[in-house]
């Protein structure tokens, strides 16, 4: 403990170095891509290609609907509850109270 009291400045500097090194490790850019080499068209093209490939894969899927006709599926019980309609709130909840516009059916003619 006496060592720490005598070398507080050194201990603080070492702590700052460790925290700084940790922050650098966490936030460093390790993608290896030069941002100036990227153009928006090259990025859009790769995204478009990936999207088209995914859509083609989804289009080629064939689902077997016979599972819905099995006795096990037919014996399943639906435990869902009906959610009753609740009254809606203010049209704009961010307006101050008392500044609400009149509802459409209460506008004077």
C-alpha atoms as a PDB file:
ATOM      1  CA  UNK A   1       0.000   0.000   0.000  1.00  0.00           C
ATOM      2  CA  UNK A   2       2.895   2.330   0.718  1.00  0.00           C
ATOM      3  CA  UNK A   3       4.145   1.806  -2.843  1.00  0.00           C
ATOM      4  CA  UNK A   4       0.844   3.084  -4.263  1.00  0.00           C
ATOM      5  CA  UNK A   5       0.875   6.169  -2.031  1.00  0.00           C
ATOM      6  CA  UNK A   6       4.366   7.020  -3.209  1.00  0.00           C
ATOM      7  CA  UNK A   7       3.677   6.403  -6.901  1.00  0.00           C
ATOM      8  CA  UNK A   8       0.108   7.646  -7.404  1.00  0.00           C
ATOM      9  CA  UNK A   9       1.035   9.539 -10.581  1.00  0.00           C
ATOM     10  CA  UNK A  10       2.598   6.456 -12.179  1.00  0.00           C
ATOM     11  CA  UNK A  11      -0.417   4.305 -11.214  1.00  0.00           C
ATOM     12  CA  UNK A  12      -2.831   6.846 -12.733  1.00  0.00           C
ATOM     13  CA  UNK A  13      -0.794   7.037 -15.955  1.00  0.00           C
ATOM     14  CA  UNK A  14      -0.722   3.234 -16.265  1.00  0.00           C
ATOM     15  CA  UNK A  15      -4.482   3.109 -15.694  1.00  0.00           C
ATOM     16  CA  UNK A  16      -5.050   5.777 -18.365  1.00  0.00           C
ATOM     17  CA  UNK A  17      -2.867   3.827 -20.804  1.00  0.00           C
ATOM     18  CA  UNK A  18      -4.841   0.637 -20.185  1.00  0.00           C
ATOM     19  CA  UNK A  19      -8.186   2.410 -20.636  1.00  0.00           C
ATOM     20  CA  UNK A  20      -6.937   4.179 -23.777  1.00  0.00           C
ATOM     21  CA  UNK A  21      -5.582   0.930 -25.231  1.00  0.00           C
ATOM     22  CA  UNK A  22      -8.875  -0.828 -24.503  1.00  0.00           C
ATOM     23  CA  UNK A  23     -10.858   1.964 -26.138  1.00  0.00           C
ATOM     24  CA  UNK A  24      -8.592   1.865 -29.192  1.00  0.00           C
ATOM     25  CA  UNK A  25      -9.003  -1.918 -29.462  1.00  0.00           C
ATOM     26  CA  UNK A  26     -12.801  -1.691 -29.214  1.00  0.00           C
ATOM     27  CA  UNK A  27     -13.311   1.265 -31.565  1.00  0.00           C
ATOM     28  CA  UNK A  28     -10.613   0.729 -34.185  1.00  0.00           C
ATOM     29  CA  UNK A  29     -11.682   0.301 -37.809  1.00  0.00           C
ATOM     30  CA  UNK A  30     -10.622  -3.207 -38.758  1.00  0.00           C
ATOM     31  CA  UNK A  31     -12.641  -3.593 -41.962  1.00  0.00           C
ATOM     32  CA  UNK A  32      -9.559  -3.068 -44.130  1.00  0.00           C
ATOM     33  CA  UNK A  33     -11.644  -1.254 -46.735  1.00  0.00           C
ATOM     34  CA  UNK A  34     -10.498   2.079 -48.078  1.00  0.00           C
ATOM     35  CA  UNK A  35     -13.580   4.364 -47.838  1.00  0.00           C
ATOM     36  CA  UNK A  36     -12.444   6.466 -50.798  1.00  0.00           C
ATOM     37  CA  UNK A  37     -12.329   3.350 -52.993  1.00  0.00           C
ATOM     38  CA  UNK A  38     -16.012   2.619 -52.398  1.00  0.00           C
ATOM     39  CA  UNK A  39     -18.594   4.169 -54.613  1.00  0.00           C
ATOM     40  CA  UNK A  40     -22.310   4.165 -54.040  1.00  0.00           C
ATOM     41  CA  UNK A  41     -22.925   2.310 -57.297  1.00  0.00           C
ATOM     42  CA  UNK A  42     -20.645  -0.577 -56.355  1.00  0.00           C
ATOM     43  CA  UNK A  43     -22.370  -0.924 -53.004  1.00  0.00           C
ATOM     44  CA  UNK A  44     -25.828  -0.731 -54.539  1.00  0.00           C
ATOM     45  CA  UNK A  45     -24.898  -3.355 -57.124  1.00  0.00           C
ATOM     46  CA  UNK A  46     -23.732  -5.830 -54.501  1.00  0.00           C
ATOM     47  CA  UNK A  47     -26.846  -5.229 -52.404  1.00  0.00           C
ATOM     48  CA  UNK A  48     -29.052  -5.650 -55.472  1.00  0.00           C
ATOM     49  CA  UNK A  49     -27.302  -8.887 -56.435  1.00  0.00           C
ATOM     50  CA  UNK A  50     -27.663 -10.254 -52.907  1.00  0.00           C
ATOM     51  CA  UNK A  51     -31.344  -9.315 -52.817  1.00  0.00           C
ATOM     52  CA  UNK A  52     -31.999 -10.967 -56.187  1.00  0.00           C
ATOM     53  CA  UNK A  53     -30.249 -14.164 -55.094  1.00  0.00           C
ATOM     54  CA  UNK A  54     -32.299 -14.270 -51.899  1.00  0.00           C
ATOM     55  CA  UNK A  55     -35.540 -13.723 -53.841  1.00  0.00           C
ATOM     56  CA  UNK A  56     -34.652 -16.498 -56.275  1.00  0.00           C
ATOM     57  CA  UNK A  57     -33.946 -18.861 -53.397  1.00  0.00           C
ATOM     58  CA  UNK A  58     -37.274 -17.996 -51.787  1.00  0.00           C
ATOM     59  CA  UNK A  59     -39.096 -18.464 -55.076  1.00  0.00           C
ATOM     60  CA  UNK A  60     -37.706 -21.958 -55.475  1.00  0.00           C
ATOM     61  CA  UNK A  61     -38.987 -23.133 -52.075  1.00  0.00           C
ATOM     62  CA  UNK A  62     -41.697 -25.762 -52.142  1.00  0.00           C
ATOM     63  CA  UNK A  63     -43.793 -26.129 -48.993  1.00  0.00           C
ATOM     64  CA  UNK A  64     -45.462 -29.402 -48.124  1.00  0.00           C
ATOM     65  CA  UNK A  65     -48.958 -28.497 -46.917  1.00  0.00           C
ATOM     66  CA  UNK A  66     -49.857 -32.090 -46.006  1.00  0.00           C
ATOM     67  CA  UNK A  67     -48.656 -31.414 -42.435  1.00  0.00           C
ATOM     68  CA  UNK A  68     -51.820 -29.364 -41.884  1.00  0.00           C
ATOM     69  CA  UNK A  69     -53.983 -32.402 -42.668  1.00  0.00           C
ATOM     70  CA  UNK A  70     -52.391 -34.742 -40.087  1.00  0.00           C
ATOM     71  CA  UNK A  71     -54.334 -35.861 -37.013  1.00  0.00           C
ATOM     72  CA  UNK A  72     -51.740 -34.344 -34.699  1.00  0.00           C
ATOM     73  CA  UNK A  73     -52.088 -30.904 -36.258  1.00  0.00           C
ATOM     74  CA  UNK A  74     -55.879 -31.172 -36.323  1.00  0.00           C
ATOM     75  CA  UNK A  75     -55.913 -32.055 -32.597  1.00  0.00           C
ATOM     76  CA  UNK A  76     -54.166 -28.809 -31.621  1.00  0.00           C
ATOM     77  CA  UNK A  77     -56.296 -26.444 -29.533  1.00  0.00           C
ATOM     78  CA  UNK A  78     -56.369 -22.693 -30.065  1.00  0.00           C
ATOM     79  CA  UNK A  79     -55.962 -20.939 -26.700  1.00  0.00           C
ATOM     80  CA  UNK A  80     -55.855 -17.410 -28.114  1.00  0.00           C
ATOM     81  CA  UNK A  81     -58.034 -14.744 -26.523  1.00  0.00           C
ATOM     82  CA  UNK A  82     -60.184 -12.178 -28.260  1.00  0.00           C
ATOM     83  CA  UNK A  83     -58.744  -8.709 -27.663  1.00  0.00           C
ATOM     84  CA  UNK A  84     -61.591  -6.241 -27.130  1.00  0.00           C
ATOM     85  CA  UNK A  85     -61.532  -2.859 -28.846  1.00  0.00           C
ATOM     86  CA  UNK A  86     -60.375  -0.056 -26.563  1.00  0.00           C
ATOM     87  CA  UNK A  87     -61.155   3.635 -26.942  1.00  0.00           C
ATOM     88  CA  UNK A  88     -58.443   5.520 -28.764  1.00  0.00           C
ATOM     89  CA  UNK A  89     -56.509   8.359 -27.175  1.00  0.00           C
ATOM     90  CA  UNK A  90     -55.820  11.851 -28.395  1.00  0.00           C
ATOM     91  CA  UNK A  91     -55.189  12.442 -32.077  1.00  0.00           C
ATOM     92  CA  UNK A  92     -51.865  14.133 -31.254  1.00  0.00           C
ATOM     93  CA  UNK A  93     -50.596  13.195 -27.781  1.00  0.00           C
ATOM     94  CA  UNK A  94     -47.746  15.726 -28.031  1.00  0.00           C
ATOM     95  CA  UNK A  95     -49.988  18.802 -28.169  1.00  0.00           C
ATOM     96  CA  UNK A  96     -50.544  20.587 -24.852  1.00  0.00           C
ATOM     97  CA  UNK A  97     -53.730  19.568 -23.046  1.00  0.00           C
ATOM     98  CA  UNK A  98     -56.701  21.621 -24.216  1.00  0.00           C
ATOM     99  CA  UNK A  99     -55.182  22.357 -27.642  1.00  0.00           C
ATOM    100  CA  UNK A 100     -56.614  19.263 -29.325  1.00  0.00           C
ATOM    101  CA  UNK A 101     -58.275  19.847 -32.681  1.00  0.00           C
ATOM    102  CA  UNK A 102     -61.970  19.094 -32.770  1.00  0.00           C
ATOM    103  CA  UNK A 103     -62.838  15.585 -34.023  1.00  0.00           C
ATOM    104  CA  UNK A 104     -64.098  15.420 -37.614  1.00  0.00           C
ATOM    105  CA  UNK A 105     -67.680  14.646 -36.562  1.00  0.00           C
ATOM    106  CA  UNK A 106     -67.833  17.687 -34.182  1.00  0.00           C
ATOM    107  CA  UNK A 107     -66.672  20.427 -36.553  1.00  0.00           C
ATOM    108  CA  UNK A 108     -69.300  23.200 -36.701  1.00  0.00           C
ATOM    109  CA  UNK A 109     -70.899  23.602 -40.100  1.00  0.00           C
END
